Amino acid sequence: MMNFDETKDNKYEELLKYQEQCLVEIEELNRQKNKELKEYLDELYAMEPLPPPFIHGYSEVQRLWGPHFYAIKSISGKMSGITRQYKSALMMHILTILTEQNKDYFKYYTSMNYLEYASFLFKAAPSKKLILSLLDNSMTWQEKNKYKPIYTHKNKFNTYLSLKEGVNIYNNNLKITELFDFRYSNFKFQTSGIKTKYDMEYAQYKEKIENKLKEPMFEQPPSNP
């Protein structure tokens, strides 16, 4: 059984700080997205005469929507990027602790071993660039393979991992794979909550404008400029 204690060296506190930073950034990006949507509604209802769009022609509505579409697309890409970065940070958090507290085992790992090990635990893996920071460089990869020939081929190594009791690491009675799934799911739940809050805000803004102008509004903005 491997050692895994994330209370040492304030590593868990550092992860929580990074998680909070990610959530703050996602909150701000949702705010920016709503700003674009609200500006589009304002511009649309400033047209004379008022919508529906066939009065002006579809191209005129697309002209208004186009800049907002590209801005929102960029914002959505940034939000997806932050989620990927947090997932990667969470995997590295776990792998770093395992490596530091089980040096005799991981000192024979090459980058390939770490990538396969991460995929085995998390069904995903950090980038190779991040993985390189975990390597024990006191030996060359050739020396490592000499000591641990079973580590040299992906298929053999994956078979070894599936049989090795050591991957069933527990932290506060949670298997490490379950710990990862729980924390990542919790992060996704919080980002979903932020999105729901801003979706509701936009819906209320849209309803307020419609009630004020006494005119029906599109259910969806145009999908493409």
C-alpha atoms as a PDB file:
ATOM      1  CA  MET A   1       0.000   0.000   0.000  1.00  0.00           C
ATOM      2  CA  MET A   2       1.387   3.409  -0.977  1.00  0.00           C
ATOM      3  CA  ASN A   3       1.615   6.469   1.226  1.00  0.00           C
ATOM      4  CA  PHE A   4      -0.629   9.407   0.474  1.00  0.00           C
ATOM      5  CA  ASP A   5      -0.920  12.289   2.931  1.00  0.00           C
ATOM      6  CA  GLU A   6      -1.892  15.603   1.357  1.00  0.00           C
ATOM      7  CA  THR A   7      -1.859  17.505   4.655  1.00  0.00           C
ATOM      8  CA  LYS A   8       1.938  17.740   4.530  1.00  0.00           C
ATOM      9  CA  ASP A   9       3.553  20.947   3.209  1.00  0.00           C
ATOM     10  CA  ASN A  10       0.147  22.638   2.795  1.00  0.00           C
ATOM     11  CA  LYS A  11      -0.385  20.970  -0.570  1.00  0.00           C
ATOM     12  CA  TYR A  12      -4.136  20.585  -0.123  1.00  0.00           C
ATOM     13  CA  GLU A  13      -4.470  24.249   0.879  1.00  0.00           C
ATOM     14  CA  GLU A  14      -2.576  25.224  -2.270  1.00  0.00           C
ATOM     15  CA  LEU A  15      -4.960  23.148  -4.393  1.00  0.00           C
ATOM     16  CA  LEU A  16      -7.969  24.802  -2.753  1.00  0.00           C
ATOM     17  CA  LYS A  17      -6.525  28.258  -3.451  1.00  0.00           C
ATOM     18  CA  TYR A  18      -6.022  27.365  -7.096  1.00  0.00           C
ATOM     19  CA  GLN A  19      -9.560  25.956  -7.302  1.00  0.00           C
ATOM     20  CA  GLU A  20     -10.959  29.181  -5.875  1.00  0.00           C
ATOM     21  CA  GLN A  21      -8.923  31.201  -8.380  1.00  0.00           C
ATOM     22  CA  CYS A  22     -10.359  29.124 -11.235  1.00  0.00           C
ATOM     23  CA  LEU A  23     -13.912  29.624  -9.983  1.00  0.00           C
ATOM     24  CA  VAL A  24     -13.387  33.386  -9.693  1.00  0.00           C
ATOM     25  CA  GLU A  25     -12.153  33.486 -13.303  1.00  0.00           C
ATOM     26  CA  ILE A  26     -15.111  31.416 -14.508  1.00  0.00           C
ATOM     27  CA  GLU A  27     -17.493  33.739 -12.651  1.00  0.00           C
ATOM     28  CA  GLU A  28     -15.958  36.749 -14.404  1.00  0.00           C
ATOM     29  CA  LEU A  29     -16.155  35.055 -17.815  1.00  0.00           C
ATOM     30  CA  ASN A  30     -19.847  34.268 -17.262  1.00  0.00           C
ATOM     31  CA  ARG A  31     -20.375  37.921 -16.380  1.00  0.00           C
ATOM     32  CA  GLN A  32     -18.656  38.947 -19.635  1.00  0.00           C
ATOM     33  CA  LYS A  33     -20.804  36.506 -21.595  1.00  0.00           C
ATOM     34  CA  ASN A  34     -23.974  37.986 -20.128  1.00  0.00           C
ATOM     35  CA  LYS A  35     -22.716  41.467 -20.948  1.00  0.00           C
ATOM     36  CA  GLU A  36     -22.416  40.474 -24.620  1.00  0.00           C
ATOM     37  CA  LEU A  37     -25.890  38.918 -24.649  1.00  0.00           C
ATOM     38  CA  LYS A  38     -27.455  41.959 -22.982  1.00  0.00           C
ATOM     39  CA  GLU A  39     -25.742  44.339 -25.405  1.00  0.00           C
ATOM     40  CA  TYR A  40     -27.102  42.296 -28.300  1.00  0.00           C
ATOM     41  CA  LEU A  41     -30.638  42.547 -26.933  1.00  0.00           C
ATOM     42  CA  ASP A  42     -30.247  46.290 -26.421  1.00  0.00           C
ATOM     43  CA  GLU A  43     -28.982  46.769 -29.975  1.00  0.00           C
ATOM     44  CA  LEU A  44     -31.703  44.568 -31.406  1.00  0.00           C
ATOM     45  CA  TYR A  45     -34.511  46.401 -29.667  1.00  0.00           C
ATOM     46  CA  ALA A  46     -33.019  49.751 -30.615  1.00  0.00           C
ATOM     47  CA  MET A  47     -33.788  48.949 -34.275  1.00  0.00           C
ATOM     48  CA  GLU A  48     -36.612  50.834 -35.938  1.00  0.00           C
ATOM     49  CA  PRO A  49     -39.133  49.376 -36.354  1.00  0.00           C
ATOM     50  CA  LEU A  50     -38.821  46.816 -33.587  1.00  0.00           C
ATOM     51  CA  PRO A  51     -38.251  43.076 -34.369  1.00  0.00           C
ATOM     52  CA  PRO A  52     -39.341  40.449 -35.534  1.00  0.00           C
ATOM     53  CA  PRO A  53     -36.284  40.281 -37.764  1.00  0.00           C
ATOM     54  CA  PHE A  54     -38.028  39.731 -41.085  1.00  0.00           C
ATOM     55  CA  ILE A  55     -39.001  43.401 -41.017  1.00  0.00           C
ATOM     56  CA  HIS A  56     -35.321  44.339 -41.428  1.00  0.00           C
ATOM     57  CA  GLY A  57     -34.053  41.233 -43.143  1.00  0.00           C
ATOM     58  CA  TYR A  58     -32.003  38.397 -41.713  1.00  0.00           C
ATOM     59  CA  SER A  59     -28.663  39.933 -42.748  1.00  0.00           C
ATOM     60  CA  GLU A  60     -29.263  43.002 -40.587  1.00  0.00           C
ATOM     61  CA  VAL A  61     -29.877  40.863 -37.509  1.00  0.00           C
ATOM     62  CA  GLN A  62     -26.773  38.817 -38.318  1.00  0.00           C
ATOM     63  CA  ARG A  63     -24.753  42.022 -38.585  1.00  0.00           C
ATOM     64  CA  LEU A  64     -25.718  42.882 -35.025  1.00  0.00           C
ATOM     65  CA  TRP A  65     -25.195  39.360 -33.692  1.00  0.00           C
ATOM     66  CA  GLY A  66     -21.863  38.639 -35.404  1.00  0.00           C
ATOM     67  CA  PRO A  67     -19.458  40.525 -33.097  1.00  0.00           C
ATOM     68  CA  HIS A  68     -21.199  39.173 -30.001  1.00  0.00           C
ATOM     69  CA  PHE A  69     -21.144  35.637 -31.387  1.00  0.00           C
ATOM     70  CA  TYR A  70     -17.362  35.705 -31.794  1.00  0.00           C
ATOM     71  CA  ALA A  71     -16.856  37.324 -28.377  1.00  0.00           C
ATOM     72  CA  ILE A  72     -19.019  34.668 -26.696  1.00  0.00           C
ATOM     73  CA  LYS A  73     -17.236  31.894 -28.588  1.00  0.00           C
ATOM     74  CA  SER A  74     -13.905  33.208 -27.272  1.00  0.00           C
ATOM     75  CA  ILE A  75     -15.269  33.434 -23.727  1.00  0.00           C
ATOM     76  CA  SER A  76     -16.591  29.864 -23.868  1.00  0.00           C
ATOM     77  CA  GLY A  77     -13.178  28.663 -25.054  1.00  0.00           C
ATOM     78  CA  LYS A  78     -11.506  30.360 -22.092  1.00  0.00           C
ATOM     79  CA  MET A  79     -13.937  28.725 -19.659  1.00  0.00           C
ATOM     80  CA  SER A  80     -13.245  25.286 -21.160  1.00  0.00           C
ATOM     81  CA  GLY A  81      -9.524  25.988 -20.884  1.00  0.00           C
ATOM     82  CA  ILE A  82      -9.785  26.830 -17.185  1.00  0.00           C
ATOM     83  CA  THR A  83     -11.675  23.592 -16.542  1.00  0.00           C
ATOM     84  CA  ARG A  84      -8.973  21.596 -18.347  1.00  0.00           C
ATOM     85  CA  GLN A  85      -6.264  23.396 -16.392  1.00  0.00           C
ATOM     86  CA  TYR A  86      -7.956  22.602 -13.077  1.00  0.00           C
ATOM     87  CA  LYS A  87      -8.325  18.942 -14.035  1.00  0.00           C
ATOM     88  CA  SER A  88      -4.639  18.820 -14.920  1.00  0.00           C
ATOM     89  CA  ALA A  89      -3.686  20.577 -11.663  1.00  0.00           C
ATOM     90  CA  LEU A  90      -5.752  18.084  -9.660  1.00  0.00           C
ATOM     91  CA  MET A  91      -4.035  15.142 -11.347  1.00  0.00           C
ATOM     92  CA  MET A  92      -0.599  16.693 -10.766  1.00  0.00           C
ATOM     93  CA  HIS A  93      -1.504  17.376  -7.134  1.00  0.00           C
ATOM     94  CA  ILE A  94      -2.159  13.681  -6.561  1.00  0.00           C
ATOM     95  CA  LEU A  95       0.789  12.438  -8.623  1.00  0.00           C
ATOM     96  CA  THR A  96       3.217  14.842  -6.926  1.00  0.00           C
ATOM     97  CA  ILE A  97       2.219  13.677  -3.448  1.00  0.00           C
ATOM     98  CA  LEU A  98       2.442  10.030  -4.458  1.00  0.00           C
ATOM     99  CA  THR A  99       5.877  10.583  -5.982  1.00  0.00           C
ATOM    100  CA  GLU A 100       7.281  12.485  -3.013  1.00  0.00           C
ATOM    101  CA  GLN A 101       5.974   9.999  -0.456  1.00  0.00           C
ATOM    102  CA  ASN A 102       6.824   6.825  -2.391  1.00  0.00           C
ATOM    103  CA  LYS A 103      10.213   7.656  -3.901  1.00  0.00           C
ATOM    104  CA  ASP A 104      11.545   4.116  -3.927  1.00  0.00           C
ATOM    105  CA  TYR A 105       8.709   3.035  -6.183  1.00  0.00           C
ATOM    106  CA  PHE A 106       8.483   6.009  -8.551  1.00  0.00           C
ATOM    107  CA  LYS A 107      12.226   6.517  -9.030  1.00  0.00           C
ATOM    108  CA  TYR A 108      12.111   3.937 -11.840  1.00  0.00           C
ATOM    109  CA  TYR A 109       9.271   5.646 -13.710  1.00  0.00           C
ATOM    110  CA  THR A 110       9.859   7.221 -17.110  1.00  0.00           C
ATOM    111  CA  SER A 111       7.514   9.798 -18.626  1.00  0.00           C
ATOM    112  CA  MET A 112       5.694   6.977 -20.419  1.00  0.00           C
ATOM    113  CA  ASN A 113       5.121   5.168 -17.109  1.00  0.00           C
ATOM    114  CA  TYR A 114       3.703   8.294 -15.500  1.00  0.00           C
ATOM    115  CA  LEU A 115       1.390   8.966 -18.433  1.00  0.00           C
ATOM    116  CA  GLU A 116       0.090   5.398 -18.369  1.00  0.00           C
ATOM    117  CA  TYR A 117      -0.220   5.431 -14.585  1.00  0.00           C
ATOM    118  CA  ALA A 118      -2.217   8.673 -14.701  1.00  0.00           C
ATOM    119  CA  SER A 119      -4.476   7.259 -17.418  1.00  0.00           C
ATOM    120  CA  PHE A 120      -4.980   4.150 -15.302  1.00  0.00           C
ATOM    121  CA  LEU A 121      -5.975   6.171 -12.228  1.00  0.00           C
ATOM    122  CA  PHE A 122      -7.829   9.112 -13.763  1.00  0.00           C
ATOM    123  CA  LYS A 123      -8.812   7.982 -17.290  1.00  0.00           C
ATOM    124  CA  ALA A 124      -6.841  11.073 -18.366  1.00  0.00           C
ATOM    125  CA  ALA A 125      -3.318  12.401 -17.998  1.00  0.00           C
ATOM    126  CA  PRO A 126      -1.505  15.726 -17.610  1.00  0.00           C
ATOM    127  CA  SER A 127       0.721  16.921 -20.430  1.00  0.00           C
ATOM    128  CA  LYS A 128       4.119  15.318 -20.875  1.00  0.00           C
ATOM    129  CA  LYS A 129       5.688  18.703 -20.105  1.00  0.00           C
ATOM    130  CA  LEU A 130       4.126  18.646 -16.622  1.00  0.00           C
ATOM    131  CA  ILE A 131       4.980  14.986 -16.100  1.00  0.00           C
ATOM    132  CA  LEU A 132       8.690  15.703 -16.668  1.00  0.00           C
ATOM    133  CA  SER A 133       8.808  17.593 -13.351  1.00  0.00           C
ATOM    134  CA  LEU A 134       8.051  14.314 -11.516  1.00  0.00           C
ATOM    135  CA  LEU A 135      10.929  12.286 -12.948  1.00  0.00           C
ATOM    136  CA  ASP A 136      13.834  11.080 -10.839  1.00  0.00           C
ATOM    137  CA  ASN A 137      16.820  12.139 -12.922  1.00  0.00           C
ATOM    138  CA  SER A 138      19.428  10.307 -10.862  1.00  0.00           C
ATOM    139  CA  MET A 139      19.211   7.534 -13.476  1.00  0.00           C
ATOM    140  CA  THR A 140      18.866   7.579 -17.239  1.00  0.00           C
ATOM    141  CA  TRP A 141      15.809   5.979 -18.805  1.00  0.00           C
ATOM    142  CA  GLN A 142      18.084   3.177 -20.038  1.00  0.00           C
ATOM    143  CA  GLU A 143      19.185   2.451 -16.469  1.00  0.00           C
ATOM    144  CA  LYS A 144      15.613   2.518 -15.265  1.00  0.00           C
ATOM    145  CA  ASN A 145      14.578   0.029 -17.934  1.00  0.00           C
ATOM    146  CA  LYS A 146      17.474  -2.225 -16.955  1.00  0.00           C
ATOM    147  CA  TYR A 147      16.287  -2.357 -13.340  1.00  0.00           C
ATOM    148  CA  LYS A 148      12.590  -2.600 -14.216  1.00  0.00           C
ATOM    149  CA  PRO A 149      12.193  -4.319 -17.614  1.00  0.00           C
ATOM    150  CA  ILE A 150       8.455  -4.761 -17.027  1.00  0.00           C
ATOM    151  CA  TYR A 151       8.151  -0.959 -17.216  1.00  0.00           C
ATOM    152  CA  THR A 152       9.578  -0.736 -20.732  1.00  0.00           C
ATOM    153  CA  HIS A 153       6.475  -1.601 -22.797  1.00  0.00           C
ATOM    154  CA  LYS A 154       3.023  -0.044 -22.470  1.00  0.00           C
ATOM    155  CA  ASN A 155       1.099  -3.309 -22.689  1.00  0.00           C
ATOM    156  CA  LYS A 156       3.243  -5.080 -20.093  1.00  0.00           C
ATOM    157  CA  PHE A 157       3.179  -2.059 -17.819  1.00  0.00           C
ATOM    158  CA  ASN A 158      -0.612  -1.693 -18.033  1.00  0.00           C
ATOM    159  CA  THR A 159      -1.027  -5.385 -17.206  1.00  0.00           C
ATOM    160  CA  TYR A 160       1.273  -4.867 -14.246  1.00  0.00           C
ATOM    161  CA  LEU A 161      -0.769  -1.876 -13.055  1.00  0.00           C
ATOM    162  CA  SER A 162      -4.044  -3.781 -13.285  1.00  0.00           C
ATOM    163  CA  LEU A 163      -2.618  -6.468 -10.983  1.00  0.00           C
ATOM    164  CA  LYS A 164      -0.729  -4.231  -8.577  1.00  0.00           C
ATOM    165  CA  GLU A 165      -2.373  -3.735  -5.189  1.00  0.00           C
ATOM    166  CA  GLY A 166      -0.479  -0.483  -4.723  1.00  0.00           C
ATOM    167  CA  VAL A 167      -2.747   1.462  -7.077  1.00  0.00           C
ATOM    168  CA  ASN A 168      -5.593   1.032  -4.606  1.00  0.00           C
ATOM    169  CA  ILE A 169      -4.411   3.947  -2.510  1.00  0.00           C
ATOM    170  CA  TYR A 170      -6.769   5.221   0.147  1.00  0.00           C
ATOM    171  CA  ASN A 171      -7.119   8.683   1.596  1.00  0.00           C
ATOM    172  CA  ASN A 172      -9.626   9.053   4.443  1.00  0.00           C
ATOM    173  CA  ASN A 173     -11.300   5.804   3.323  1.00  0.00           C
ATOM    174  CA  LEU A 174     -11.657   7.042  -0.263  1.00  0.00           C
ATOM    175  CA  LYS A 175      -9.834   5.205  -3.014  1.00  0.00           C
ATOM    176  CA  ILE A 176      -7.601   7.660  -4.840  1.00  0.00           C
ATOM    177  CA  THR A 177      -9.564   7.258  -8.064  1.00  0.00           C
ATOM    178  CA  GLU A 178     -12.767   8.042  -6.183  1.00  0.00           C
ATOM    179  CA  LEU A 179     -11.085  11.020  -4.519  1.00  0.00           C
ATOM    180  CA  PHE A 180     -10.152  12.423  -7.926  1.00  0.00           C
ATOM    181  CA  ASP A 181     -13.649  11.822  -9.333  1.00  0.00           C
ATOM    182  CA  PHE A 182     -15.261  13.406  -6.271  1.00  0.00           C
ATOM    183  CA  ARG A 183     -13.150  16.565  -6.393  1.00  0.00           C
ATOM    184  CA  TYR A 184     -13.392  17.035 -10.132  1.00  0.00           C
ATOM    185  CA  SER A 185     -17.159  16.440 -10.054  1.00  0.00           C
ATOM    186  CA  ASN A 186     -17.458  18.958  -7.228  1.00  0.00           C
ATOM    187  CA  PHE A 187     -15.554  21.535  -9.293  1.00  0.00           C
ATOM    188  CA  LYS A 188     -17.819  20.898 -12.283  1.00  0.00           C
ATOM    189  CA  PHE A 189     -20.868  21.200 -10.023  1.00  0.00           C
ATOM    190  CA  GLN A 190     -19.699  24.607  -8.821  1.00  0.00           C
ATOM    191  CA  THR A 191     -19.024  25.851 -12.360  1.00  0.00           C
ATOM    192  CA  SER A 192     -22.473  24.611 -13.388  1.00  0.00           C
ATOM    193  CA  GLY A 193     -23.982  26.553 -10.486  1.00  0.00           C
ATOM    194  CA  ILE A 194     -22.236  29.734 -11.640  1.00  0.00           C
ATOM    195  CA  LYS A 195     -23.536  29.225 -15.180  1.00  0.00           C
ATOM    196  CA  THR A 196     -27.090  28.650 -13.927  1.00  0.00           C
ATOM    197  CA  LYS A 197     -26.950  31.869 -11.901  1.00  0.00           C
ATOM    198  CA  TYR A 198     -25.983  33.930 -14.948  1.00  0.00           C
ATOM    199  CA  ASP A 199     -28.436  32.113 -17.225  1.00  0.00           C
ATOM    200  CA  MET A 200     -31.212  33.116 -14.835  1.00  0.00           C
ATOM    201  CA  GLU A 201     -29.948  36.698 -14.722  1.00  0.00           C
ATOM    202  CA  TYR A 202     -29.995  36.912 -18.512  1.00  0.00           C
ATOM    203  CA  ALA A 203     -33.477  35.381 -18.691  1.00  0.00           C
ATOM    204  CA  GLN A 204     -34.738  37.989 -16.229  1.00  0.00           C
ATOM    205  CA  TYR A 205     -33.114  40.803 -18.209  1.00  0.00           C
ATOM    206  CA  LYS A 206     -34.649  39.507 -21.441  1.00  0.00           C
ATOM    207  CA  GLU A 207     -38.075  39.203 -19.837  1.00  0.00           C
ATOM    208  CA  LYS A 208     -37.825  42.727 -18.433  1.00  0.00           C
ATOM    209  CA  ILE A 209     -37.122  44.178 -21.875  1.00  0.00           C
ATOM    210  CA  GLU A 210     -39.916  42.179 -23.496  1.00  0.00           C
ATOM    211  CA  ASN A 211     -42.411  43.302 -20.884  1.00  0.00           C
ATOM    212  CA  LYS A 212     -41.288  46.904 -21.268  1.00  0.00           C
ATOM    213  CA  LEU A 213     -41.586  46.933 -25.037  1.00  0.00           C
ATOM    214  CA  LYS A 214     -44.626  44.651 -25.240  1.00  0.00           C
ATOM    215  CA  GLU A 215     -43.065  42.859 -28.151  1.00  0.00           C
ATOM    216  CA  PRO A 216     -42.162  39.140 -28.581  1.00  0.00           C
ATOM    217  CA  MET A 217     -38.478  38.261 -28.674  1.00  0.00           C
ATOM    218  CA  PHE A 218     -36.580  35.484 -30.433  1.00  0.00           C
ATOM    219  CA  GLU A 219     -36.216  32.307 -28.394  1.00  0.00           C
ATOM    220  CA  GLN A 220     -32.594  32.009 -29.603  1.00  0.00           C
ATOM    221  CA  PRO A 221     -30.197  34.492 -31.229  1.00  0.00           C
ATOM    222  CA  PRO A 222     -28.915  33.525 -34.677  1.00  0.00           C
ATOM    223  CA  SER A 223     -26.471  30.620 -34.454  1.00  0.00           C
ATOM    224  CA  ASN A 224     -23.855  31.999 -36.836  1.00  0.00           C
ATOM    225  CA  PRO A 225     -22.868  35.344 -38.258  1.00  0.00           C
END
